[in-house]
Amino acid sequence: MFSSLNTIIKFLIYVLPVALVFSIFIADFIIVFTSVLFIIDQINKKNFVNAFKNKYFFFFLLFWLYLVINSIFSYDFKTSLSRSLPYVRFGILFVVISYYLKDNKFKLNFLKFSFIFLLLLCIDAIIQLFLGYNLIGFKLLHNSRVSGFFYDELVLGSFLLRMYPIFLISLIFIKKDFF
């Protein structure tokens, strides 16, 4: 059961960048589901405390507690608290990804998948710019703005910019591994 749980968690981490393109809801669901599965896995392995011994997670936890305390003292504390409490999922996601990135095979596969996916996004954007349609048939809606797989949302450049560090790290590791 533990190996299948690890396989599911790894698969969800692989598809997270794709989910970010097509649906924020699906991406958030994957983050929460992955975090819950990881916590269950670490409790079953009796490794929960060791998995979360990370100075960056500790600083994140302090920052998150600061946000929660500020939310409690805000004017509209219910709304504020409902927005600050779920941020803990990002800290847990950091722990999950850093835990699995210790495995070199997973790291290389994750970076290869991320590299191929980001390359596909760039090729799709270039095709849409020159032909007026992208790979799945979305038409260029604005004369000077390419949307790629995002359809009518003009966030392709922002997405690529945020994913650029993963792209560079992928290039470095893939180059080191193959050349």
N, C-alpha and C. Protein backbone atom coordinates (compact mmCIF):
# COMPACT_ATOMS: atom_id res chain seq x y z
N MET A 1 0.82 -1.19 0.00
CA MET A 1 0.00 0.00 0.00
C MET A 1 0.87 1.26 0.00
N PHE A 2 1.99 1.21 0.74
CA PHE A 2 2.82 2.42 0.84
C PHE A 2 3.44 2.78 -0.49
N SER A 3 3.86 1.78 -1.26
CA SER A 3 4.46 2.10 -2.55
C SER A 3 3.43 2.66 -3.51
N SER A 4 2.19 2.15 -3.45
CA SER A 4 1.16 2.69 -4.32
C SER A 4 0.78 4.11 -3.90
N LEU A 5 0.81 4.39 -2.61
CA LEU A 5 0.54 5.74 -2.12
C LEU A 5 1.63 6.69 -2.59
N ASN A 6 2.88 6.24 -2.55
CA ASN A 6 3.99 7.06 -3.06
C ASN A 6 3.85 7.30 -4.56
N THR A 7 3.42 6.29 -5.28
CA THR A 7 3.23 6.43 -6.73
C THR A 7 2.14 7.45 -7.03
N ILE A 8 1.07 7.42 -6.28
CA ILE A 8 -0.02 8.39 -6.48
C ILE A 8 0.46 9.81 -6.18
N ILE A 9 1.18 9.97 -5.08
CA ILE A 9 1.70 11.29 -4.70
C ILE A 9 2.64 11.81 -5.78
N LYS A 10 3.54 10.97 -6.26
CA LYS A 10 4.48 11.39 -7.29
C LYS A 10 3.75 11.78 -8.57
N PHE A 11 2.76 11.00 -8.95
CA PHE A 11 1.98 11.32 -10.15
C PHE A 11 1.28 12.67 -10.00
N LEU A 12 0.70 12.92 -8.83
CA LEU A 12 0.02 14.20 -8.61
C LEU A 12 0.99 15.38 -8.67
N ILE A 13 2.21 15.18 -8.19
CA ILE A 13 3.22 16.23 -8.28
C ILE A 13 3.60 16.47 -9.74
N TYR A 14 3.71 15.38 -10.52
CA TYR A 14 4.03 15.53 -11.94
C TYR A 14 2.98 16.35 -12.68
N VAL A 15 1.71 16.10 -12.40
CA VAL A 15 0.64 16.75 -13.17
C VAL A 15 0.24 18.12 -12.63
N LEU A 16 0.82 18.53 -11.53
CA LEU A 16 0.46 19.83 -10.96
C LEU A 16 0.68 21.00 -11.91
N PRO A 17 1.82 21.09 -12.62
CA PRO A 17 1.97 22.22 -13.56
C PRO A 17 0.91 22.21 -14.67
N VAL A 18 0.53 21.03 -15.14
CA VAL A 18 -0.51 20.94 -16.17
C VAL A 18 -1.84 21.41 -15.60
N ALA A 19 -2.14 21.00 -14.38
CA ALA A 19 -3.39 21.40 -13.75
C ALA A 19 -3.46 22.92 -13.55
N LEU A 20 -2.32 23.54 -13.30
CA LEU A 20 -2.30 25.00 -13.15
C LEU A 20 -2.72 25.71 -14.43
N VAL A 21 -2.44 25.10 -15.56
CA VAL A 21 -2.83 25.71 -16.84
C VAL A 21 -4.33 25.60 -17.06
N PHE A 22 -4.89 24.46 -16.78
CA PHE A 22 -6.27 24.20 -17.18
C PHE A 22 -7.31 24.53 -16.11
N SER A 23 -6.95 24.50 -14.83
CA SER A 23 -7.96 24.79 -13.82
C SER A 23 -7.30 25.05 -12.46
N ILE A 24 -7.59 26.19 -11.89
CA ILE A 24 -7.09 26.51 -10.55
C ILE A 24 -7.74 25.59 -9.52
N PHE A 25 -9.02 25.27 -9.72
CA PHE A 25 -9.69 24.36 -8.80
C PHE A 25 -9.00 23.00 -8.76
N ILE A 26 -8.70 22.45 -9.93
CA ILE A 26 -8.05 21.15 -9.99
C ILE A 26 -6.65 21.23 -9.36
N ALA A 27 -5.93 22.31 -9.62
CA ALA A 27 -4.60 22.48 -9.03
C ALA A 27 -4.69 22.54 -7.50
N ASP A 28 -5.63 23.31 -6.98
CA ASP A 28 -5.80 23.38 -5.52
C ASP A 28 -6.23 22.03 -4.95
N PHE A 29 -7.10 21.34 -5.66
CA PHE A 29 -7.52 20.01 -5.22
C PHE A 29 -6.33 19.06 -5.17
N ILE A 30 -5.47 19.10 -6.19
CA ILE A 30 -4.29 18.25 -6.21
C ILE A 30 -3.36 18.59 -5.05
N ILE A 31 -3.20 19.87 -4.76
CA ILE A 31 -2.34 20.29 -3.64
C ILE A 31 -2.87 19.74 -2.32
N VAL A 32 -4.17 19.91 -2.09
CA VAL A 32 -4.76 19.44 -0.83
C VAL A 32 -4.72 17.92 -0.75
N PHE A 33 -5.11 17.25 -1.83
CA PHE A 33 -5.13 15.79 -1.85
C PHE A 33 -3.73 15.22 -1.65
N THR A 34 -2.75 15.80 -2.31
CA THR A 34 -1.36 15.35 -2.17
C THR A 34 -0.88 15.55 -0.73
N SER A 35 -1.23 16.69 -0.15
CA SER A 35 -0.82 16.97 1.23
C SER A 35 -1.43 15.97 2.20
N VAL A 36 -2.70 15.66 2.02
CA VAL A 36 -3.37 14.70 2.91
C VAL A 36 -2.76 13.31 2.75
N LEU A 37 -2.56 12.89 1.50
CA LEU A 37 -1.95 11.58 1.26
C LEU A 37 -0.54 11.50 1.86
N PHE A 38 0.22 12.57 1.72
CA PHE A 38 1.58 12.59 2.27
C PHE A 38 1.55 12.49 3.79
N ILE A 39 0.67 13.23 4.42
CA ILE A 39 0.57 13.17 5.89
C ILE A 39 0.18 11.77 6.33
N ILE A 40 -0.79 11.16 5.65
CA ILE A 40 -1.19 9.79 5.98
C ILE A 40 -0.02 8.83 5.79
N ASP A 41 0.70 8.98 4.69
CA ASP A 41 1.85 8.12 4.41
C ASP A 41 2.93 8.27 5.48
N GLN A 42 3.21 9.49 5.89
CA GLN A 42 4.26 9.72 6.88
C GLN A 42 3.84 9.23 8.27
N ILE A 43 2.55 9.33 8.59
CA ILE A 43 2.07 8.80 9.87
C ILE A 43 2.16 7.28 9.87
N ASN A 44 1.79 6.65 8.76
CA ASN A 44 1.89 5.19 8.66
C ASN A 44 3.33 4.70 8.75
N LYS A 45 4.24 5.47 8.19
CA LYS A 45 5.66 5.10 8.24
C LYS A 45 6.33 5.54 9.54
N LYS A 46 5.58 6.22 10.40
CA LYS A 46 6.10 6.77 11.66
C LYS A 46 7.28 7.71 11.40
N ASN A 47 7.14 8.50 10.33
CA ASN A 47 8.18 9.42 9.92
C ASN A 47 7.65 10.86 9.86
N PHE A 48 6.51 11.11 10.48
CA PHE A 48 5.84 12.40 10.37
C PHE A 48 6.72 13.54 10.86
N VAL A 49 7.31 13.38 12.03
CA VAL A 49 8.11 14.46 12.62
C VAL A 49 9.36 14.71 11.78
N ASN A 50 10.02 13.66 11.33
CA ASN A 50 11.23 13.83 10.52
C ASN A 50 10.95 14.47 9.18
N ALA A 51 9.81 14.16 8.59
CA ALA A 51 9.48 14.74 7.28
C ALA A 51 9.26 16.24 7.37
N PHE A 52 8.76 16.69 8.50
CA PHE A 52 8.46 18.11 8.66
C PHE A 52 9.56 18.88 9.38
N LYS A 53 10.70 18.24 9.65
CA LYS A 53 11.84 18.95 10.24
C LYS A 53 12.57 19.68 9.13
N ASN A 54 12.19 20.90 8.92
CA ASN A 54 12.75 21.69 7.84
C ASN A 54 12.70 23.15 8.29
N LYS A 55 13.83 23.82 8.25
CA LYS A 55 13.86 25.20 8.74
C LYS A 55 12.99 26.12 7.90
N TYR A 56 12.87 25.85 6.60
CA TYR A 56 12.02 26.69 5.75
C TYR A 56 10.55 26.49 6.08
N PHE A 57 10.17 25.24 6.37
CA PHE A 57 8.79 24.99 6.78
C PHE A 57 8.51 25.65 8.12
N PHE A 58 9.49 25.64 9.01
CA PHE A 58 9.32 26.29 10.31
C PHE A 58 9.08 27.79 10.13
N PHE A 59 9.87 28.44 9.28
CA PHE A 59 9.67 29.87 9.02
C PHE A 59 8.33 30.12 8.34
N PHE A 60 7.96 29.23 7.43
CA PHE A 60 6.65 29.36 6.79
C PHE A 60 5.55 29.24 7.84
N LEU A 61 5.70 28.29 8.76
CA LEU A 61 4.69 28.09 9.79
C LEU A 61 4.57 29.33 10.68
N LEU A 62 5.68 29.96 11.02
CA LEU A 62 5.64 31.21 11.80
C LEU A 62 4.91 32.31 11.03
N PHE A 63 5.22 32.43 9.74
CA PHE A 63 4.55 33.43 8.91
C PHE A 63 3.06 33.14 8.81
N TRP A 64 2.71 31.86 8.64
CA TRP A 64 1.30 31.47 8.56
C TRP A 64 0.58 31.78 9.87
N LEU A 65 1.21 31.49 11.00
CA LEU A 65 0.59 31.82 12.29
C LEU A 65 0.40 33.33 12.44
N TYR A 66 1.36 34.10 11.96
CA TYR A 66 1.24 35.56 11.97
C TYR A 66 0.01 36.00 11.16
N LEU A 67 -0.17 35.39 9.99
CA LEU A 67 -1.34 35.72 9.17
C LEU A 67 -2.64 35.36 9.87
N VAL A 68 -2.68 34.21 10.50
CA VAL A 68 -3.88 33.76 11.20
C VAL A 68 -4.19 34.68 12.38
N ILE A 69 -3.17 35.06 13.13
CA ILE A 69 -3.38 35.96 14.27
C ILE A 69 -3.86 37.32 13.79
N ASN A 70 -3.28 37.83 12.71
CA ASN A 70 -3.76 39.09 12.14
C ASN A 70 -5.20 38.97 11.68
N SER A 71 -5.56 37.83 11.14
CA SER A 71 -6.93 37.62 10.69
C SER A 71 -7.92 37.63 11.85
N ILE A 72 -7.50 37.08 12.97
CA ILE A 72 -8.38 37.04 14.13
C ILE A 72 -8.70 38.45 14.63
N PHE A 73 -7.72 39.33 14.53
CA PHE A 73 -7.91 40.69 15.02
C PHE A 73 -8.39 41.67 13.95
N SER A 74 -8.71 41.18 12.78
CA SER A 74 -9.17 42.08 11.72
C SER A 74 -10.64 42.42 11.94
N TYR A 75 -11.10 43.41 11.17
CA TYR A 75 -12.47 43.88 11.30
C TYR A 75 -13.46 42.78 10.91
N ASP A 76 -13.23 42.15 9.79
CA ASP A 76 -14.09 41.07 9.32
C ASP A 76 -13.30 39.77 9.45
N PHE A 77 -13.21 39.27 10.68
CA PHE A 77 -12.30 38.17 10.95
C PHE A 77 -12.73 36.86 10.28
N LYS A 78 -14.01 36.65 10.06
CA LYS A 78 -14.45 35.40 9.42
C LYS A 78 -13.93 35.32 7.98
N THR A 79 -14.10 36.39 7.25
CA THR A 79 -13.61 36.40 5.87
C THR A 79 -12.10 36.35 5.84
N SER A 80 -11.46 37.12 6.70
CA SER A 80 -10.01 37.16 6.73
C SER A 80 -9.43 35.81 7.14
N LEU A 81 -10.02 35.20 8.13
CA LEU A 81 -9.55 33.89 8.61
C LEU A 81 -9.79 32.81 7.56
N SER A 82 -10.89 32.90 6.85
CA SER A 82 -11.17 31.90 5.82
C SER A 82 -10.18 32.01 4.66
N ARG A 83 -9.54 33.16 4.52
CA ARG A 83 -8.53 33.32 3.46
C ARG A 83 -7.13 32.96 3.94
N SER A 84 -6.83 33.15 5.21
CA SER A 84 -5.47 32.89 5.69
C SER A 84 -5.25 31.45 6.15
N LEU A 85 -6.27 30.80 6.67
CA LEU A 85 -6.11 29.42 7.16
C LEU A 85 -5.68 28.44 6.06
N PRO A 86 -6.28 28.48 4.88
CA PRO A 86 -5.91 27.49 3.86
C PRO A 86 -4.49 27.63 3.31
N TYR A 87 -3.79 28.72 3.61
CA TYR A 87 -2.43 28.88 3.10
C TYR A 87 -1.47 27.81 3.61
N VAL A 88 -1.83 27.12 4.66
CA VAL A 88 -0.96 26.08 5.20
C VAL A 88 -0.70 25.00 4.15
N ARG A 89 -1.60 24.85 3.19
CA ARG A 89 -1.43 23.83 2.15
C ARG A 89 -0.16 24.06 1.33
N PHE A 90 0.24 25.31 1.16
CA PHE A 90 1.45 25.59 0.38
C PHE A 90 2.71 25.20 1.14
N GLY A 91 2.68 25.38 2.45
CA GLY A 91 3.82 24.94 3.27
C GLY A 91 3.96 23.43 3.25
N ILE A 92 2.83 22.74 3.34
CA ILE A 92 2.87 21.28 3.29
C ILE A 92 3.30 20.81 1.91
N LEU A 93 2.83 21.49 0.86
CA LEU A 93 3.26 21.13 -0.50
C LEU A 93 4.77 21.29 -0.65
N PHE A 94 5.34 22.33 -0.06
CA PHE A 94 6.79 22.51 -0.09
C PHE A 94 7.48 21.31 0.55
N VAL A 95 6.98 20.86 1.70
CA VAL A 95 7.57 19.71 2.38
C VAL A 95 7.45 18.45 1.51
N VAL A 96 6.29 18.27 0.89
CA VAL A 96 6.07 17.09 0.05
C VAL A 96 7.05 17.08 -1.11
N ILE A 97 7.14 18.19 -1.82
CA ILE A 97 8.02 18.24 -2.99
C ILE A 97 9.49 18.11 -2.58
N SER A 98 9.89 18.78 -1.50
CA SER A 98 11.29 18.67 -1.08
C SER A 98 11.60 17.25 -0.59
N TYR A 99 10.62 16.57 -0.01
CA TYR A 99 10.80 15.19 0.44
C TYR A 99 11.08 14.27 -0.75
N TYR A 100 10.29 14.42 -1.80
CA TYR A 100 10.46 13.54 -2.96
C TYR A 100 11.61 13.96 -3.86
N LEU A 101 12.00 15.22 -3.83
CA LEU A 101 13.13 15.65 -4.65
C LEU A 101 14.46 15.12 -4.14
N LYS A 102 14.47 14.53 -2.97
CA LYS A 102 15.70 13.89 -2.47
C LYS A 102 16.02 12.64 -3.27
N ASP A 103 15.00 12.07 -3.90
CA ASP A 103 15.17 10.90 -4.76
C ASP A 103 15.60 11.39 -6.14
N ASN A 104 16.81 11.04 -6.57
CA ASN A 104 17.36 11.55 -7.83
C ASN A 104 16.54 11.12 -9.04
N LYS A 105 16.01 9.91 -9.01
CA LYS A 105 15.20 9.44 -10.14
C LYS A 105 13.93 10.28 -10.26
N PHE A 106 13.27 10.53 -9.14
CA PHE A 106 12.08 11.37 -9.17
C PHE A 106 12.41 12.79 -9.61
N LYS A 107 13.52 13.31 -9.10
CA LYS A 107 13.92 14.66 -9.46
C LYS A 107 14.13 14.79 -10.97
N LEU A 108 14.84 13.84 -11.54
CA LEU A 108 15.10 13.89 -12.97
C LEU A 108 13.81 13.74 -13.77
N ASN A 109 12.94 12.81 -13.36
CA ASN A 109 11.67 12.63 -14.06
C ASN A 109 10.79 13.87 -13.95
N PHE A 110 10.74 14.47 -12.78
CA PHE A 110 9.94 15.68 -12.58
C PHE A 110 10.46 16.82 -13.45
N LEU A 111 11.76 16.99 -13.48
CA LEU A 111 12.34 18.06 -14.27
C LEU A 111 12.18 17.80 -15.77
N LYS A 112 12.30 16.55 -16.19
CA LYS A 112 12.08 16.22 -17.60
C LYS A 112 10.63 16.54 -17.99
N PHE A 113 9.71 16.09 -17.17
CA PHE A 113 8.29 16.34 -17.45
C PHE A 113 8.00 17.84 -17.48
N SER A 114 8.53 18.57 -16.52
CA SER A 114 8.32 20.03 -16.49
C SER A 114 8.93 20.69 -17.71
N PHE A 115 10.12 20.26 -18.09
CA PHE A 115 10.79 20.83 -19.26
C PHE A 115 9.97 20.58 -20.52
N ILE A 116 9.52 19.35 -20.71
CA ILE A 116 8.73 19.02 -21.91
C ILE A 116 7.42 19.80 -21.92
N PHE A 117 6.78 19.91 -20.77
CA PHE A 117 5.52 20.63 -20.71
C PHE A 117 5.72 22.13 -21.01
N LEU A 118 6.73 22.74 -20.43
CA LEU A 118 6.99 24.15 -20.69
C LEU A 118 7.41 24.38 -22.13
N LEU A 119 8.16 23.46 -22.69
CA LEU A 119 8.54 23.55 -24.10
C LEU A 119 7.29 23.45 -24.99
N LEU A 120 6.38 22.57 -24.63
CA LEU A 120 5.11 22.44 -25.37
C LEU A 120 4.31 23.73 -25.31
N LEU A 121 4.28 24.36 -24.13
CA LEU A 121 3.57 25.65 -24.00
C LEU A 121 4.19 26.71 -24.90
N CYS A 122 5.50 26.76 -24.95
CA CYS A 122 6.18 27.75 -25.80
C CYS A 122 5.95 27.48 -27.28
N ILE A 123 6.03 26.23 -27.68
CA ILE A 123 5.79 25.87 -29.08
C ILE A 123 4.35 26.19 -29.47
N ASP A 124 3.43 25.88 -28.57
CA ASP A 124 2.02 26.20 -28.80
C ASP A 124 1.81 27.70 -28.97
N ALA A 125 2.47 28.49 -28.16
CA ALA A 125 2.34 29.95 -28.26
C ALA A 125 2.90 30.47 -29.58
N ILE A 126 4.02 29.91 -30.02
CA ILE A 126 4.62 30.33 -31.29
C ILE A 126 3.70 29.97 -32.45
N ILE A 127 3.15 28.75 -32.40
CA ILE A 127 2.21 28.33 -33.45
C ILE A 127 0.99 29.25 -33.48
N GLN A 128 0.47 29.58 -32.29
CA GLN A 128 -0.69 30.46 -32.24
C GLN A 128 -0.37 31.85 -32.76
N LEU A 129 0.83 32.32 -32.50
CA LEU A 129 1.22 33.65 -32.97
C LEU A 129 1.29 33.70 -34.50
N PHE A 130 1.86 32.66 -35.11
CA PHE A 130 2.06 32.69 -36.56
C PHE A 130 0.85 32.19 -37.36
N LEU A 131 0.14 31.20 -36.83
CA LEU A 131 -0.97 30.61 -37.59
C LEU A 131 -2.34 31.16 -37.19
N GLY A 132 -2.42 31.74 -36.00
CA GLY A 132 -3.70 32.25 -35.53
C GLY A 132 -4.49 31.25 -34.71
N TYR A 133 -4.06 29.99 -34.70
CA TYR A 133 -4.69 28.92 -33.92
C TYR A 133 -3.59 28.17 -33.18
N ASN A 134 -3.93 27.67 -31.98
CA ASN A 134 -2.93 26.87 -31.28
C ASN A 134 -3.15 25.38 -31.55
N LEU A 135 -2.46 24.52 -30.85
CA LEU A 135 -2.49 23.08 -31.11
C LEU A 135 -3.86 22.44 -30.86
N ILE A 136 -4.65 23.01 -29.96
CA ILE A 136 -5.97 22.43 -29.68
C ILE A 136 -7.10 23.25 -30.30
N GLY A 137 -6.75 24.19 -31.15
CA GLY A 137 -7.76 24.91 -31.92
C GLY A 137 -8.22 26.24 -31.36
N PHE A 138 -7.63 26.72 -30.28
CA PHE A 138 -8.00 28.03 -29.76
C PHE A 138 -7.52 29.11 -30.71
N LYS A 139 -8.42 30.01 -31.04
CA LYS A 139 -8.11 31.08 -31.98
C LYS A 139 -7.42 32.23 -31.26
N LEU A 140 -6.56 32.92 -31.96
CA LEU A 140 -5.90 34.12 -31.43
C LEU A 140 -6.97 35.20 -31.30
N LEU A 141 -7.32 35.56 -30.06
CA LEU A 141 -8.42 36.49 -29.83
C LEU A 141 -8.00 37.95 -29.92
N HIS A 142 -6.77 38.22 -29.59
CA HIS A 142 -6.25 39.58 -29.63
C HIS A 142 -5.12 39.62 -30.65
N ASN A 143 -5.00 40.72 -31.35
CA ASN A 143 -4.01 40.79 -32.43
C ASN A 143 -2.58 40.64 -31.95
N SER A 144 -2.27 41.15 -30.79
CA SER A 144 -0.87 41.15 -30.36
C SER A 144 -0.60 40.31 -29.11
N ARG A 145 -1.60 39.63 -28.58
CA ARG A 145 -1.43 38.85 -27.35
C ARG A 145 -1.73 37.38 -27.60
N VAL A 146 -0.80 36.54 -27.24
CA VAL A 146 -0.96 35.10 -27.39
C VAL A 146 -1.44 34.54 -26.06
N SER A 147 -2.43 33.65 -26.12
CA SER A 147 -2.96 33.07 -24.89
C SER A 147 -2.61 31.61 -24.71
N GLY A 148 -2.28 30.91 -25.80
CA GLY A 148 -1.93 29.49 -25.70
C GLY A 148 -3.08 28.66 -25.19
N PHE A 149 -2.79 27.74 -24.27
CA PHE A 149 -3.81 26.87 -23.72
C PHE A 149 -4.75 27.58 -22.75
N PHE A 150 -4.47 28.83 -22.41
CA PHE A 150 -5.29 29.56 -21.46
C PHE A 150 -6.54 30.17 -22.09
N TYR A 151 -6.71 30.03 -23.39
CA TYR A 151 -7.83 30.50 -24.19
C TYR A 151 -7.99 32.02 -24.09
N ASP A 152 -9.02 32.50 -23.36
CA ASP A 152 -9.26 33.94 -23.35
C ASP A 152 -8.56 34.67 -22.21
N GLU A 153 -7.88 33.95 -21.35
CA GLU A 153 -7.12 34.59 -20.28
C GLU A 153 -5.71 34.87 -20.80
N LEU A 154 -5.31 36.09 -20.71
CA LEU A 154 -3.99 36.48 -21.24
C LEU A 154 -2.94 36.41 -20.15
N VAL A 155 -2.66 35.20 -19.69
CA VAL A 155 -1.73 34.99 -18.58
C VAL A 155 -0.57 34.07 -18.95
N LEU A 156 -0.41 33.77 -20.22
CA LEU A 156 0.65 32.85 -20.64
C LEU A 156 2.03 33.36 -20.23
N GLY A 157 2.30 34.62 -20.50
CA GLY A 157 3.61 35.18 -20.14
C GLY A 157 3.86 35.15 -18.65
N SER A 158 2.86 35.48 -17.87
CA SER A 158 2.99 35.44 -16.41
C SER A 158 3.25 34.02 -15.93
N PHE A 159 2.53 33.06 -16.49
CA PHE A 159 2.71 31.67 -16.11
C PHE A 159 4.12 31.19 -16.45
N LEU A 160 4.56 31.51 -17.67
CA LEU A 160 5.90 31.09 -18.08
C LEU A 160 6.98 31.74 -17.23
N LEU A 161 6.77 32.99 -16.87
CA LEU A 161 7.74 33.69 -16.03
C LEU A 161 7.84 33.04 -14.65
N ARG A 162 6.71 32.63 -14.11
CA ARG A 162 6.73 31.97 -12.80
C ARG A 162 7.30 30.56 -12.86
N MET A 163 7.17 29.92 -14.01
CA MET A 163 7.69 28.56 -14.17
C MET A 163 9.14 28.57 -14.69
N TYR A 164 9.65 29.72 -15.03
CA TYR A 164 10.99 29.84 -15.60
C TYR A 164 12.09 29.25 -14.70
N PRO A 165 12.05 29.45 -13.38
CA PRO A 165 13.09 28.81 -12.55
C PRO A 165 13.09 27.28 -12.68
N ILE A 166 11.91 26.67 -12.75
CA ILE A 166 11.85 25.22 -12.93
C ILE A 166 12.44 24.85 -14.29
N PHE A 167 12.15 25.67 -15.30
CA PHE A 167 12.69 25.44 -16.64
C PHE A 167 14.22 25.48 -16.61
N LEU A 168 14.79 26.48 -15.97
CA LEU A 168 16.26 26.59 -15.90
C LEU A 168 16.88 25.44 -15.13
N ILE A 169 16.28 25.09 -14.01
CA ILE A 169 16.79 23.97 -13.21
C ILE A 169 16.70 22.68 -14.02
N SER A 170 15.62 22.53 -14.78
CA SER A 170 15.48 21.35 -15.64
C SER A 170 16.60 21.27 -16.66
N LEU A 171 16.88 22.40 -17.29
CA LEU A 171 17.96 22.42 -18.27
C LEU A 171 19.29 22.02 -17.65
N ILE A 172 19.58 22.55 -16.48
CA ILE A 172 20.85 22.26 -15.81
C ILE A 172 20.95 20.77 -15.48
N PHE A 173 19.90 20.20 -14.87
CA PHE A 173 19.96 18.79 -14.48
C PHE A 173 19.95 17.86 -15.67
N ILE A 174 19.13 18.18 -16.68
CA ILE A 174 19.08 17.31 -17.85
C ILE A 174 20.40 17.36 -18.60
N LYS A 175 20.99 18.55 -18.71
CA LYS A 175 22.28 18.68 -19.38
C LYS A 175 23.35 17.89 -18.62
N LYS A 176 23.33 18.01 -17.30
CA LYS A 176 24.32 17.31 -16.47
C LYS A 176 24.14 15.80 -16.56
N ASP A 177 22.90 15.36 -16.70
CA ASP A 177 22.62 13.93 -16.72
C ASP A 177 22.90 13.29 -18.07
N PHE A 178 22.66 14.02 -19.16
CA PHE A 178 22.78 13.43 -20.49
C PHE A 178 24.06 13.81 -21.23
N PHE A 179 24.63 14.94 -20.95
CA PHE A 179 25.78 15.41 -21.74
C PHE A 179 27.05 15.43 -20.94
